[in-house]
Amino acid sequence: MSMYGANPDELEHLGLTLTRQIDAVNGVLGTVGGVLRSTTWMGPARERFVGEWDSSFTSALQRLTEAFDAAGADCRRRAGELRRVMGAA
């Protein structure tokens, strides 16, 4: 038998899990950024890495937090709608 839809409790859990990962990604941004700034390192390799970190890496991680936030909210909203439709709200 095939299933169409979702288990609201599991969908809610997925949404909360996605949202919680925002703190982990922000932790990476803060930790790596802080250590990078305090590391004694001179030369073109450092300049390249800092340039990539400041542009590509941080923007990619920030987009990831935005995606986790949107997807987490969507999962929680859908779980609530499923509960409402099922009469469990």
Protein backbone atom coordinates (compact mmCIF):
# COMPACT_ATOMS: atom_id res chain seq x y z
CA MET A 1 0.00 0.00 0.00
CA SER A 2 1.36 3.42 -0.90
CA MET A 3 1.14 6.53 1.24
CA TYR A 4 0.46 10.09 0.18
CA GLY A 5 0.92 12.86 2.72
CA ALA A 6 2.89 12.94 5.94
CA ASN A 7 2.76 12.02 9.59
CA PRO A 8 2.16 15.41 11.29
CA ASP A 9 4.29 14.56 14.32
CA GLU A 10 7.23 13.49 12.18
CA LEU A 11 6.81 16.52 9.93
CA GLU A 12 6.78 18.80 12.99
CA HIS A 13 9.95 17.09 14.25
CA LEU A 14 11.63 17.60 10.87
CA GLY A 15 10.71 21.28 10.94
CA LEU A 16 12.12 21.74 14.44
CA THR A 17 15.28 19.84 13.49
CA LEU A 18 15.86 22.06 10.47
CA THR A 19 15.33 25.21 12.52
CA ARG A 20 17.72 24.02 15.24
CA GLN A 21 20.48 23.55 12.68
CA ILE A 22 20.56 27.31 12.17
CA ASP A 23 22.44 27.62 15.48
CA ALA A 24 24.97 25.02 14.33
CA VAL A 25 25.62 26.84 11.05
CA ASN A 26 25.87 30.18 12.85
CA GLY A 27 28.35 28.50 15.20
CA VAL A 28 30.51 27.51 12.24
CA LEU A 29 30.37 31.06 10.92
CA GLY A 30 31.37 32.53 14.26
CA THR A 31 34.01 29.97 15.17
CA VAL A 32 35.79 29.82 11.84
CA GLY A 33 35.51 33.57 11.32
CA GLY A 34 36.92 34.28 14.77
CA VAL A 35 39.79 31.82 14.52
CA LEU A 36 40.58 33.00 11.00
CA ARG A 37 40.83 36.61 12.13
CA SER A 38 43.04 35.75 15.12
CA THR A 39 45.41 33.40 13.25
CA THR A 40 48.84 34.77 12.42
CA TRP A 41 49.07 34.01 8.73
CA MET A 42 50.44 36.21 5.98
CA GLY A 43 50.68 35.79 2.26
CA PRO A 44 48.65 35.20 -0.87
CA ALA A 45 47.17 31.92 0.35
CA ARG A 46 45.68 33.70 3.37
CA GLU A 47 44.36 36.51 1.22
CA ARG A 48 42.72 34.01 -1.14
CA PHE A 49 41.16 32.05 1.70
CA VAL A 50 39.92 35.15 3.54
CA GLY A 51 38.50 36.45 0.28
CA GLU A 52 36.66 33.19 -0.34
CA TRP A 53 35.54 32.98 3.29
CA ASP A 54 34.22 36.55 3.28
CA SER A 55 32.38 36.12 0.00
CA SER A 56 31.60 32.59 -1.10
CA PHE A 57 31.70 30.59 2.13
CA THR A 58 29.87 32.97 4.45
CA SER A 59 27.18 33.79 1.89
CA ALA A 60 26.61 30.08 1.19
CA LEU A 61 26.28 29.34 4.90
CA GLN A 62 23.94 32.31 5.37
CA ARG A 63 21.78 31.05 2.49
CA LEU A 64 21.74 27.65 4.18
CA THR A 65 20.41 29.18 7.41
CA GLU A 66 17.72 31.00 5.44
CA ALA A 67 16.77 27.76 3.67
CA PHE A 68 16.64 25.85 6.98
CA ASP A 69 14.48 28.59 8.48
CA ALA A 70 12.04 28.61 5.55
CA ALA A 71 11.88 24.82 5.24
CA GLY A 72 11.48 24.36 9.00
CA ALA A 73 8.64 26.88 9.14
CA ASP A 74 6.99 25.25 6.13
CA CYS A 75 7.17 21.79 7.71
CA ARG A 76 5.66 23.06 10.96
CA ARG A 77 2.92 24.92 9.07
CA ARG A 78 2.09 21.82 7.03
CA ALA A 79 2.02 19.67 10.17
CA GLY A 80 -0.46 22.10 11.72
CA GLU A 81 -2.63 22.05 8.60
CA LEU A 82 -2.58 18.25 8.52
CA ARG A 83 -3.68 18.14 12.15
CA ARG A 84 -6.45 20.63 11.42
CA VAL A 85 -7.70 18.65 8.41
CA MET A 86 -7.51 15.39 10.36
CA GLY A 87 -9.40 16.94 13.26
CA ALA A 88 -6.46 16.50 15.62
CA ALA A 89 -5.79 20.19 16.23
